[in-house]
Amino acid sequence: MQQRFPDERMRFFLGDVRDGERLKRAFDRVDVVIHAAALKQVPAAEYNPFECIKTNVMGAQNVIDAAISAGVERAIALSTDKAASPVNLYGASKLCSDKLFISGNAYSTGHGPRLAVVRYGNVVGSRGSVVPLFRRLARTGRLPITDPRMTRFLITIQQGVRFVLECLHRMRGGELFVPKIPSADIMTIAEAVAPGCEREIVGIRNGEKLHELMITEDDSRHTMDLDAFYMITPQFSWWDDGTYVGGKGVPEGFSYRSDTNPHRLTVEEVRDLVGPMQAA
């Protein structure tokens, strides 16, 4: 990164979110923090639970403490759909991180940083995700399919970055932002990325869900619909929903699930979505 972005305004630190003192040094004279560090591989987290907790939970706490100590103005954490009603350790650890960031606004006592969370789905083409795996295995003529019914929310890296930056500008502190993004089933993704390959059903891996969830029915009581995104509001006495003009509550019993998402991608739409990544 230092070679790719040779700008005197940028500093590059070796370090780890597990090291609170190093974070305080890195946050010196910093106005905005985007917390994107995590151990995110579901099977690896199941096999190495202590390591997952140290990075995803204790690391998040270190980021919050360092942001408060250094006088950071805003900090936003990147979450995952797996944090909503989690069934695996990775999702549970990210739910803990979400709660820490939202409640961290109470620790900053109105004078410290504003803290918020962005939650979205699978990032197309990210390390360890299904699209690069299918492309690599396409040469063998055989693809492993966990379950033909499986669905996932999909977002590109560019869309994710743009949404995070937008939320940084609009956040007051305590919000959990969820973009409205499309879903696709695993068979559609397989046909779009590696057409003609034989599919072998291998079963769902340990800790995986059949469908993902970003807003639960319980969260819906505190969820606002703001056209392009949803926002789960914090339950603070000082919070004022009127700040977000045009927002309205979601219906009773609402949930935002990948299998009931009204925006389901076709094979051609998936190809359009992964096309720019392939060109890069």
C-alpha atoms as a PDB file:
ATOM      1  CA  MET A   1       0.000   0.000   0.000  1.00  0.00           C
ATOM      2  CA  GLN A   2       2.849   2.378   0.719  1.00  0.00           C
ATOM      3  CA  GLN A   3       4.160   1.813  -2.791  1.00  0.00           C
ATOM      4  CA  ARG A   4       0.721   2.131  -4.354  1.00  0.00           C
ATOM      5  CA  PHE A   5      -0.167   5.335  -2.477  1.00  0.00           C
ATOM      6  CA  PRO A   6       3.080   7.340  -2.205  1.00  0.00           C
ATOM      7  CA  ASP A   7       1.482  10.402  -0.635  1.00  0.00           C
ATOM      8  CA  GLU A   8       3.194  12.394   2.124  1.00  0.00           C
ATOM      9  CA  ARG A   9      -0.197  12.900   3.787  1.00  0.00           C
ATOM     10  CA  MET A  10      -0.461   9.161   4.435  1.00  0.00           C
ATOM     11  CA  ARG A  11       1.213   7.226   7.236  1.00  0.00           C
ATOM     12  CA  PHE A  12       1.517   3.456   7.340  1.00  0.00           C
ATOM     13  CA  PHE A  13       1.839   1.634  10.660  1.00  0.00           C
ATOM     14  CA  LEU A  14       2.683  -1.978  11.315  1.00  0.00           C
ATOM     15  CA  GLY A  15       0.488  -3.165  14.141  1.00  0.00           C
ATOM     16  CA  ASP A  16      -2.543  -5.109  15.282  1.00  0.00           C
ATOM     17  CA  VAL A  17      -5.952  -4.185  16.695  1.00  0.00           C
ATOM     18  CA  ARG A  18      -5.069  -6.466  19.598  1.00  0.00           C
ATOM     19  CA  ASP A  19      -2.421  -3.919  20.630  1.00  0.00           C
ATOM     20  CA  GLY A  20      -4.264  -1.039  22.290  1.00  0.00           C
ATOM     21  CA  GLU A  21      -1.171   1.112  22.859  1.00  0.00           C
ATOM     22  CA  ARG A  22      -0.181   0.832  19.198  1.00  0.00           C
ATOM     23  CA  LEU A  23      -3.670   1.930  18.181  1.00  0.00           C
ATOM     24  CA  LYS A  24      -3.449   5.028  20.375  1.00  0.00           C
ATOM     25  CA  ARG A  25      -0.214   5.949  18.616  1.00  0.00           C
ATOM     26  CA  ALA A  26      -1.777   5.348  15.189  1.00  0.00           C
ATOM     27  CA  PHE A  27      -4.859   7.455  16.066  1.00  0.00           C
ATOM     28  CA  ASP A  28      -2.846  10.497  17.099  1.00  0.00           C
ATOM     29  CA  ARG A  29      -4.205  13.596  15.254  1.00  0.00           C
ATOM     30  CA  VAL A  30      -6.707  11.402  13.369  1.00  0.00           C
ATOM     31  CA  ASP A  31     -10.267  12.684  12.832  1.00  0.00           C
ATOM     32  CA  VAL A  32     -11.972   9.615  11.317  1.00  0.00           C
ATOM     33  CA  VAL A  33     -11.477   5.886  11.911  1.00  0.00           C
ATOM     34  CA  ILE A  34     -12.934   3.077   9.776  1.00  0.00           C
ATOM     35  CA  HIS A  35     -12.634  -0.191  11.680  1.00  0.00           C
ATOM     36  CA  ALA A  36     -12.359  -2.963   9.076  1.00  0.00           C
ATOM     37  CA  ALA A  37     -10.026  -5.426  10.827  1.00  0.00           C
ATOM     38  CA  ALA A  38     -11.484  -8.879  11.509  1.00  0.00           C
ATOM     39  CA  LEU A  39     -10.930 -12.601  11.301  1.00  0.00           C
ATOM     40  CA  LYS A  40     -13.821 -13.464   8.991  1.00  0.00           C
ATOM     41  CA  GLN A  41     -13.463 -17.061   7.812  1.00  0.00           C
ATOM     42  CA  VAL A  42     -16.340 -19.000   9.409  1.00  0.00           C
ATOM     43  CA  PRO A  43     -14.673 -22.467   9.595  1.00  0.00           C
ATOM     44  CA  ALA A  44     -11.369 -20.952  10.789  1.00  0.00           C
ATOM     45  CA  ALA A  45     -13.182 -19.053  13.544  1.00  0.00           C
ATOM     46  CA  GLU A  46     -14.966 -22.227  14.656  1.00  0.00           C
ATOM     47  CA  TYR A  47     -11.609 -24.028  14.926  1.00  0.00           C
ATOM     48  CA  ASN A  48      -9.724 -21.077  16.487  1.00  0.00           C
ATOM     49  CA  PRO A  49     -12.347 -19.456  18.737  1.00  0.00           C
ATOM     50  CA  PHE A  50      -9.943 -17.697  21.138  1.00  0.00           C
ATOM     51  CA  GLU A  51      -8.113 -16.011  18.263  1.00  0.00           C
ATOM     52  CA  CYS A  52     -11.416 -14.843  16.771  1.00  0.00           C
ATOM     53  CA  ILE A  53     -12.491 -13.295  20.090  1.00  0.00           C
ATOM     54  CA  LYS A  54      -9.123 -11.559  20.566  1.00  0.00           C
ATOM     55  CA  THR A  55      -9.352  -9.826  17.182  1.00  0.00           C
ATOM     56  CA  ASN A  56     -13.065  -9.294  16.592  1.00  0.00           C
ATOM     57  CA  VAL A  57     -14.216  -8.483  20.139  1.00  0.00           C
ATOM     58  CA  MET A  58     -11.202  -7.313  22.133  1.00  0.00           C
ATOM     59  CA  GLY A  59      -9.822  -5.612  19.021  1.00  0.00           C
ATOM     60  CA  ALA A  60     -13.065  -3.635  18.638  1.00  0.00           C
ATOM     61  CA  GLN A  61     -12.863  -2.570  22.280  1.00  0.00           C
ATOM     62  CA  ASN A  62      -9.269  -1.436  21.727  1.00  0.00           C
ATOM     63  CA  VAL A  63     -10.338   0.645  18.721  1.00  0.00           C
ATOM     64  CA  ILE A  64     -13.066   2.338  20.783  1.00  0.00           C
ATOM     65  CA  ASP A  65     -10.761   3.031  23.741  1.00  0.00           C
ATOM     66  CA  ALA A  66      -8.033   4.407  21.469  1.00  0.00           C
ATOM     67  CA  ALA A  67     -10.524   6.591  19.576  1.00  0.00           C
ATOM     68  CA  ILE A  68     -11.788   8.088  22.850  1.00  0.00           C
ATOM     69  CA  SER A  69      -8.276   8.619  24.223  1.00  0.00           C
ATOM     70  CA  ALA A  70      -7.000  10.223  21.013  1.00  0.00           C
ATOM     71  CA  GLY A  71      -9.986  12.550  20.548  1.00  0.00           C
ATOM     72  CA  VAL A  72     -11.136  11.035  17.256  1.00  0.00           C
ATOM     73  CA  GLU A  73     -14.273  12.745  15.899  1.00  0.00           C
ATOM     74  CA  ARG A  74     -15.988   9.782  14.208  1.00  0.00           C
ATOM     75  CA  ALA A  75     -15.427   6.027  14.089  1.00  0.00           C
ATOM     76  CA  ILE A  76     -17.465   3.545  12.094  1.00  0.00           C
ATOM     77  CA  ALA A  77     -17.184  -0.251  12.230  1.00  0.00           C
ATOM     78  CA  LEU A  78     -17.793  -2.661   9.359  1.00  0.00           C
ATOM     79  CA  SER A  79     -20.116  -5.500  10.318  1.00  0.00           C
ATOM     80  CA  THR A  80     -21.651  -8.468   8.501  1.00  0.00           C
ATOM     81  CA  ASP A  81     -25.018 -10.081   7.855  1.00  0.00           C
ATOM     82  CA  LYS A  82     -23.774 -12.995   9.941  1.00  0.00           C
ATOM     83  CA  ALA A  83     -24.016 -10.781  13.047  1.00  0.00           C
ATOM     84  CA  ALA A  84     -27.842 -10.800  12.870  1.00  0.00           C
ATOM     85  CA  SER A  85     -29.176 -13.799  14.813  1.00  0.00           C
ATOM     86  CA  PRO A  86     -25.740 -15.475  14.646  1.00  0.00           C
ATOM     87  CA  VAL A  87     -25.275 -19.244  14.482  1.00  0.00           C
ATOM     88  CA  ASN A  88     -21.470 -19.249  14.281  1.00  0.00           C
ATOM     89  CA  LEU A  89     -18.673 -17.751  16.343  1.00  0.00           C
ATOM     90  CA  TYR A  90     -17.678 -15.263  13.665  1.00  0.00           C
ATOM     91  CA  GLY A  91     -21.207 -13.830  13.579  1.00  0.00           C
ATOM     92  CA  ALA A  92     -21.435 -13.822  17.375  1.00  0.00           C
ATOM     93  CA  SER A  93     -18.101 -12.020  17.682  1.00  0.00           C
ATOM     94  CA  LYS A  94     -19.204  -9.366  15.176  1.00  0.00           C
ATOM     95  CA  LEU A  95     -22.501  -8.931  17.027  1.00  0.00           C
ATOM     96  CA  CYS A  96     -20.453  -8.250  20.168  1.00  0.00           C
ATOM     97  CA  SER A  97     -18.383  -5.747  18.206  1.00  0.00           C
ATOM     98  CA  ASP A  98     -21.563  -4.034  16.953  1.00  0.00           C
ATOM     99  CA  LYS A  99     -22.914  -3.743  20.496  1.00  0.00           C
ATOM    100  CA  LEU A 100     -19.605  -2.357  21.757  1.00  0.00           C
ATOM    101  CA  PHE A 101     -19.518   0.337  19.073  1.00  0.00           C
ATOM    102  CA  ILE A 102     -23.124   1.394  19.595  1.00  0.00           C
ATOM    103  CA  SER A 103     -22.845   1.456  23.396  1.00  0.00           C
ATOM    104  CA  GLY A 104     -19.468   3.164  23.107  1.00  0.00           C
ATOM    105  CA  ASN A 105     -21.362   6.401  22.523  1.00  0.00           C
ATOM    106  CA  ALA A 106     -22.293   6.324  26.208  1.00  0.00           C
ATOM    107  CA  TYR A 107     -18.617   6.059  27.176  1.00  0.00           C
ATOM    108  CA  SER A 108     -17.681   9.042  25.023  1.00  0.00           C
ATOM    109  CA  THR A 109     -20.211  11.103  27.089  1.00  0.00           C
ATOM    110  CA  GLY A 110     -21.071  13.451  24.258  1.00  0.00           C
ATOM    111  CA  HIS A 111     -17.557  14.903  24.061  1.00  0.00           C
ATOM    112  CA  GLY A 112     -15.694  11.996  22.487  1.00  0.00           C
ATOM    113  CA  PRO A 113     -16.082  10.308  19.112  1.00  0.00           C
ATOM    114  CA  ARG A 114     -19.378   9.464  17.491  1.00  0.00           C
ATOM    115  CA  LEU A 115     -19.509   5.714  16.931  1.00  0.00           C
ATOM    116  CA  ALA A 116     -21.684   3.808  14.420  1.00  0.00           C
ATOM    117  CA  VAL A 117     -21.859   0.520  12.497  1.00  0.00           C
ATOM    118  CA  VAL A 118     -22.367  -0.449   8.849  1.00  0.00           C
ATOM    119  CA  ARG A 119     -23.723  -3.957   8.215  1.00  0.00           C
ATOM    120  CA  TYR A 120     -23.789  -5.472   4.730  1.00  0.00           C
ATOM    121  CA  GLY A 121     -23.587  -8.824   2.950  1.00  0.00           C
ATOM    122  CA  ASN A 122     -20.973 -10.846   1.096  1.00  0.00           C
ATOM    123  CA  VAL A 123     -18.446  -8.664  -0.721  1.00  0.00           C
ATOM    124  CA  VAL A 124     -18.126  -9.946  -4.285  1.00  0.00           C
ATOM    125  CA  GLY A 125     -14.555 -11.018  -4.999  1.00  0.00           C
ATOM    126  CA  SER A 126     -13.244 -10.551  -1.464  1.00  0.00           C
ATOM    127  CA  ARG A 127     -10.606 -12.935  -0.202  1.00  0.00           C
ATOM    128  CA  GLY A 128     -12.060 -16.366   0.536  1.00  0.00           C
ATOM    129  CA  SER A 129     -15.452 -15.628  -1.068  1.00  0.00           C
ATOM    130  CA  VAL A 130     -17.311 -17.893  -3.464  1.00  0.00           C
ATOM    131  CA  VAL A 131     -16.747 -16.045  -6.775  1.00  0.00           C
ATOM    132  CA  PRO A 132     -12.919 -16.375  -6.827  1.00  0.00           C
ATOM    133  CA  LEU A 133     -13.318 -19.983  -5.648  1.00  0.00           C
ATOM    134  CA  PHE A 134     -15.718 -20.849  -8.473  1.00  0.00           C
ATOM    135  CA  ARG A 135     -13.481 -19.155 -11.035  1.00  0.00           C
ATOM    136  CA  ARG A 136     -10.482 -21.125  -9.855  1.00  0.00           C
ATOM    137  CA  LEU A 137     -12.374 -24.440  -9.845  1.00  0.00           C
ATOM    138  CA  ALA A 138     -14.027 -23.779 -13.214  1.00  0.00           C
ATOM    139  CA  ARG A 139     -10.868 -25.115 -14.857  1.00  0.00           C
ATOM    140  CA  THR A 140     -11.549 -28.512 -13.288  1.00  0.00           C
ATOM    141  CA  GLY A 141     -15.085 -28.667 -14.690  1.00  0.00           C
ATOM    142  CA  ARG A 142     -16.594 -29.398 -11.251  1.00  0.00           C
ATOM    143  CA  LEU A 143     -17.993 -27.029  -8.620  1.00  0.00           C
ATOM    144  CA  PRO A 144     -18.792 -27.893  -4.987  1.00  0.00           C
ATOM    145  CA  ILE A 145     -22.296 -26.670  -4.051  1.00  0.00           C
ATOM    146  CA  THR A 146     -23.152 -26.573  -0.358  1.00  0.00           C
ATOM    147  CA  ASP A 147     -26.947 -26.510  -0.845  1.00  0.00           C
ATOM    148  CA  PRO A 148     -28.839 -25.508  -4.027  1.00  0.00           C
ATOM    149  CA  ARG A 149     -31.298 -23.457  -1.923  1.00  0.00           C
ATOM    150  CA  MET A 150     -28.612 -21.306  -0.301  1.00  0.00           C
ATOM    151  CA  THR A 151     -28.944 -17.530  -0.803  1.00  0.00           C
ATOM    152  CA  ARG A 152     -26.658 -14.634   0.034  1.00  0.00           C
ATOM    153  CA  PHE A 153     -26.722 -10.825  -0.028  1.00  0.00           C
ATOM    154  CA  LEU A 154     -24.156  -9.476  -2.528  1.00  0.00           C
ATOM    155  CA  ILE A 155     -22.356  -6.135  -2.672  1.00  0.00           C
ATOM    156  CA  THR A 156     -19.307  -5.011  -4.636  1.00  0.00           C
ATOM    157  CA  ILE A 157     -16.229  -3.498  -3.005  1.00  0.00           C
ATOM    158  CA  GLN A 158     -16.966  -0.148  -4.678  1.00  0.00           C
ATOM    159  CA  GLN A 159     -20.567  -0.139  -3.425  1.00  0.00           C
ATOM    160  CA  GLY A 160     -19.429  -1.031   0.094  1.00  0.00           C
ATOM    161  CA  VAL A 161     -16.818   1.729   0.191  1.00  0.00           C
ATOM    162  CA  ARG A 162     -19.273   4.320  -1.124  1.00  0.00           C
ATOM    163  CA  PHE A 163     -21.897   3.330   1.444  1.00  0.00           C
ATOM    164  CA  VAL A 164     -19.412   3.536   4.332  1.00  0.00           C
ATOM    165  CA  LEU A 165     -18.308   7.022   3.272  1.00  0.00           C
ATOM    166  CA  GLU A 166     -21.929   8.171   2.969  1.00  0.00           C
ATOM    167  CA  CYS A 167     -22.706   6.845   6.453  1.00  0.00           C
ATOM    168  CA  LEU A 168     -19.657   8.619   7.869  1.00  0.00           C
ATOM    169  CA  HIS A 169     -21.156  11.918   6.728  1.00  0.00           C
ATOM    170  CA  ARG A 170     -24.713  11.278   7.935  1.00  0.00           C
ATOM    171  CA  MET A 171     -24.056   9.498  11.268  1.00  0.00           C
ATOM    172  CA  ARG A 172     -24.906  11.100  14.614  1.00  0.00           C
ATOM    173  CA  GLY A 173     -23.644   8.204  16.715  1.00  0.00           C
ATOM    174  CA  GLY A 174     -25.263   4.897  17.643  1.00  0.00           C
ATOM    175  CA  GLU A 175     -26.811   4.027  14.278  1.00  0.00           C
ATOM    176  CA  LEU A 176     -26.538   0.634  12.585  1.00  0.00           C
ATOM    177  CA  PHE A 177     -26.816   1.227   8.831  1.00  0.00           C
ATOM    178  CA  VAL A 178     -27.958  -1.520   6.427  1.00  0.00           C
ATOM    179  CA  PRO A 179     -27.914  -0.909   2.643  1.00  0.00           C
ATOM    180  CA  LYS A 180     -30.630  -2.258   0.390  1.00  0.00           C
ATOM    181  CA  ILE A 181     -28.699  -4.691  -1.796  1.00  0.00           C
ATOM    182  CA  PRO A 182     -29.628  -7.670  -4.002  1.00  0.00           C
ATOM    183  CA  SER A 183     -29.520 -11.368  -3.195  1.00  0.00           C
ATOM    184  CA  ALA A 184     -28.665 -14.399  -5.308  1.00  0.00           C
ATOM    185  CA  ASP A 185     -28.888 -18.126  -4.826  1.00  0.00           C
ATOM    186  CA  ILE A 186     -25.787 -20.280  -5.111  1.00  0.00           C
ATOM    187  CA  MET A 187     -26.934 -22.010  -8.308  1.00  0.00           C
ATOM    188  CA  THR A 188     -27.385 -18.662 -10.073  1.00  0.00           C
ATOM    189  CA  ILE A 189     -23.895 -17.587  -8.992  1.00  0.00           C
ATOM    190  CA  ALA A 190     -22.441 -20.889 -10.220  1.00  0.00           C
ATOM    191  CA  GLU A 191     -24.110 -20.556 -13.623  1.00  0.00           C
ATOM    192  CA  ALA A 192     -22.982 -16.925 -13.967  1.00  0.00           C
ATOM    193  CA  VAL A 193     -19.358 -17.516 -12.996  1.00  0.00           C
ATOM    194  CA  ALA A 194     -18.688 -21.034 -14.305  1.00  0.00           C
ATOM    195  CA  PRO A 195     -21.380 -22.078 -16.806  1.00  0.00           C
ATOM    196  CA  GLY A 196     -21.406 -25.673 -17.945  1.00  0.00           C
ATOM    197  CA  CYS A 197     -19.529 -27.038 -14.934  1.00  0.00           C
ATOM    198  CA  GLU A 198     -20.753 -30.156 -13.184  1.00  0.00           C
ATOM    199  CA  ARG A 199     -22.123 -29.406  -9.694  1.00  0.00           C
ATOM    200  CA  GLU A 200     -21.435 -31.633  -6.709  1.00  0.00           C
ATOM    201  CA  ILE A 201     -23.609 -31.191  -3.607  1.00  0.00           C
ATOM    202  CA  VAL A 202     -21.259 -31.269  -0.584  1.00  0.00           C
ATOM    203  CA  GLY A 203     -23.533 -30.031   2.224  1.00  0.00           C
ATOM    204  CA  ILE A 204     -23.475 -26.934   4.423  1.00  0.00           C
ATOM    205  CA  ARG A 205     -20.238 -26.361   6.324  1.00  0.00           C
ATOM    206  CA  ASN A 206     -20.014 -26.086  10.069  1.00  0.00           C
ATOM    207  CA  GLY A 207     -21.394 -22.723  11.219  1.00  0.00           C
ATOM    208  CA  GLU A 208     -23.085 -21.793   7.932  1.00  0.00           C
ATOM    209  CA  LYS A 209     -26.683 -20.649   7.429  1.00  0.00           C
ATOM    210  CA  LEU A 210     -28.927 -21.604   4.543  1.00  0.00           C
ATOM    211  CA  HIS A 211     -30.026 -17.964   4.231  1.00  0.00           C
ATOM    212  CA  GLU A 212     -28.592 -14.770   5.688  1.00  0.00           C
ATOM    213  CA  LEU A 213     -30.354 -12.126   7.731  1.00  0.00           C
ATOM    214  CA  MET A 214     -29.483  -8.458   8.184  1.00  0.00           C
ATOM    215  CA  ILE A 215     -32.439  -7.173  10.221  1.00  0.00           C
ATOM    216  CA  THR A 216     -34.323  -9.420  12.639  1.00  0.00           C
ATOM    217  CA  GLU A 217     -37.984  -9.112  13.570  1.00  0.00           C
ATOM    218  CA  ASP A 218     -36.958  -7.924  17.036  1.00  0.00           C
ATOM    219  CA  ASP A 219     -34.725  -5.222  15.536  1.00  0.00           C
ATOM    220  CA  SER A 220     -37.552  -4.113  13.236  1.00  0.00           C
ATOM    221  CA  ARG A 221     -39.259  -2.306  16.119  1.00  0.00           C
ATOM    222  CA  HIS A 222     -36.374   0.163  16.050  1.00  0.00           C
ATOM    223  CA  THR A 223     -35.730   0.180  12.284  1.00  0.00           C
ATOM    224  CA  MET A 224     -36.291   3.086   9.919  1.00  0.00           C
ATOM    225  CA  ASP A 225     -36.674   2.830   6.140  1.00  0.00           C
ATOM    226  CA  LEU A 226     -34.781   5.654   4.417  1.00  0.00           C
ATOM    227  CA  ASP A 227     -35.349   4.647   0.768  1.00  0.00           C
ATOM    228  CA  ALA A 228     -31.834   3.505  -0.189  1.00  0.00           C
ATOM    229  CA  PHE A 229     -31.017   1.962   3.189  1.00  0.00           C
ATOM    230  CA  TYR A 230     -32.372   0.849   6.533  1.00  0.00           C
ATOM    231  CA  MET A 231     -31.191   2.139   9.886  1.00  0.00           C
ATOM    232  CA  ILE A 232     -31.538   0.430  13.253  1.00  0.00           C
ATOM    233  CA  THR A 233     -31.738   3.256  15.767  1.00  0.00           C
ATOM    234  CA  PRO A 234     -30.094   3.176  19.204  1.00  0.00           C
ATOM    235  CA  GLN A 235     -32.179   3.198  22.356  1.00  0.00           C
ATOM    236  CA  PHE A 236     -30.610   6.287  23.914  1.00  0.00           C
ATOM    237  CA  SER A 237     -32.643   8.907  25.775  1.00  0.00           C
ATOM    238  CA  TRP A 238     -31.023  11.655  23.732  1.00  0.00           C
ATOM    239  CA  TRP A 239     -31.720  10.054  20.360  1.00  0.00           C
ATOM    240  CA  ASP A 240     -34.085  11.945  18.037  1.00  0.00           C
ATOM    241  CA  ASP A 241     -35.502  10.035  15.057  1.00  0.00           C
ATOM    242  CA  GLY A 242     -36.470  13.364  13.491  1.00  0.00           C
ATOM    243  CA  THR A 243     -32.863  13.941  12.474  1.00  0.00           C
ATOM    244  CA  TYR A 244     -33.385  11.643   9.486  1.00  0.00           C
ATOM    245  CA  VAL A 245     -35.995  13.515   7.480  1.00  0.00           C
ATOM    246  CA  GLY A 246     -38.236  11.288   5.368  1.00  0.00           C
ATOM    247  CA  GLY A 247     -37.523   8.130   7.321  1.00  0.00           C
ATOM    248  CA  LYS A 248     -40.419   5.901   8.325  1.00  0.00           C
ATOM    249  CA  GLY A 249     -40.779   2.821  10.484  1.00  0.00           C
ATOM    250  CA  VAL A 250     -40.881  -0.641   8.884  1.00  0.00           C
ATOM    251  CA  PRO A 251     -44.011  -2.841   9.191  1.00  0.00           C
ATOM    252  CA  GLU A 252     -44.629  -4.979  12.271  1.00  0.00           C
ATOM    253  CA  GLY A 253     -42.783  -8.306  11.988  1.00  0.00           C
ATOM    254  CA  PHE A 254     -40.459  -7.046   9.235  1.00  0.00           C
ATOM    255  CA  SER A 255     -37.166  -8.850   8.631  1.00  0.00           C
ATOM    256  CA  TYR A 256     -34.550  -8.365   5.937  1.00  0.00           C
ATOM    257  CA  ARG A 257     -33.555 -11.820   4.665  1.00  0.00           C
ATOM    258  CA  SER A 258     -31.604 -12.986   1.631  1.00  0.00           C
ATOM    259  CA  ASP A 259     -34.282 -15.556   0.640  1.00  0.00           C
ATOM    260  CA  THR A 260     -37.260 -13.156   0.823  1.00  0.00           C
ATOM    261  CA  ASN A 261     -35.382 -10.125  -0.499  1.00  0.00           C
ATOM    262  CA  PRO A 262     -37.499  -8.713  -3.375  1.00  0.00           C
ATOM    263  CA  HIS A 263     -34.336  -7.917  -5.364  1.00  0.00           C
ATOM    264  CA  ARG A 264     -33.099 -11.343  -6.548  1.00  0.00           C
ATOM    265  CA  LEU A 265     -30.397 -11.342  -9.201  1.00  0.00           C
ATOM    266  CA  THR A 266     -30.614 -13.244 -12.487  1.00  0.00           C
ATOM    267  CA  VAL A 267     -27.644 -14.986 -14.087  1.00  0.00           C
ATOM    268  CA  GLU A 268     -27.020 -11.986 -16.336  1.00  0.00           C
ATOM    269  CA  GLU A 269     -27.228  -9.557 -13.417  1.00  0.00           C
ATOM    270  CA  VAL A 270     -24.679 -11.588 -11.463  1.00  0.00           C
ATOM    271  CA  ARG A 271     -22.356 -11.509 -14.475  1.00  0.00           C
ATOM    272  CA  ASP A 272     -22.746  -7.747 -14.659  1.00  0.00           C
ATOM    273  CA  LEU A 273     -21.992  -7.498 -10.944  1.00  0.00           C
ATOM    274  CA  VAL A 274     -18.774  -9.548 -11.073  1.00  0.00           C
ATOM    275  CA  GLY A 275     -17.714  -8.256 -14.492  1.00  0.00           C
ATOM    276  CA  PRO A 276     -15.734  -5.179 -13.290  1.00  0.00           C
ATOM    277  CA  MET A 277     -13.896  -7.318 -10.754  1.00  0.00           C
ATOM    278  CA  GLN A 278     -12.941  -9.768 -13.499  1.00  0.00           C
ATOM    279  CA  ALA A 279     -11.577  -6.940 -15.666  1.00  0.00           C
ATOM    280  CA  ALA A 280      -9.482  -5.669 -12.755  1.00  0.00           C
END
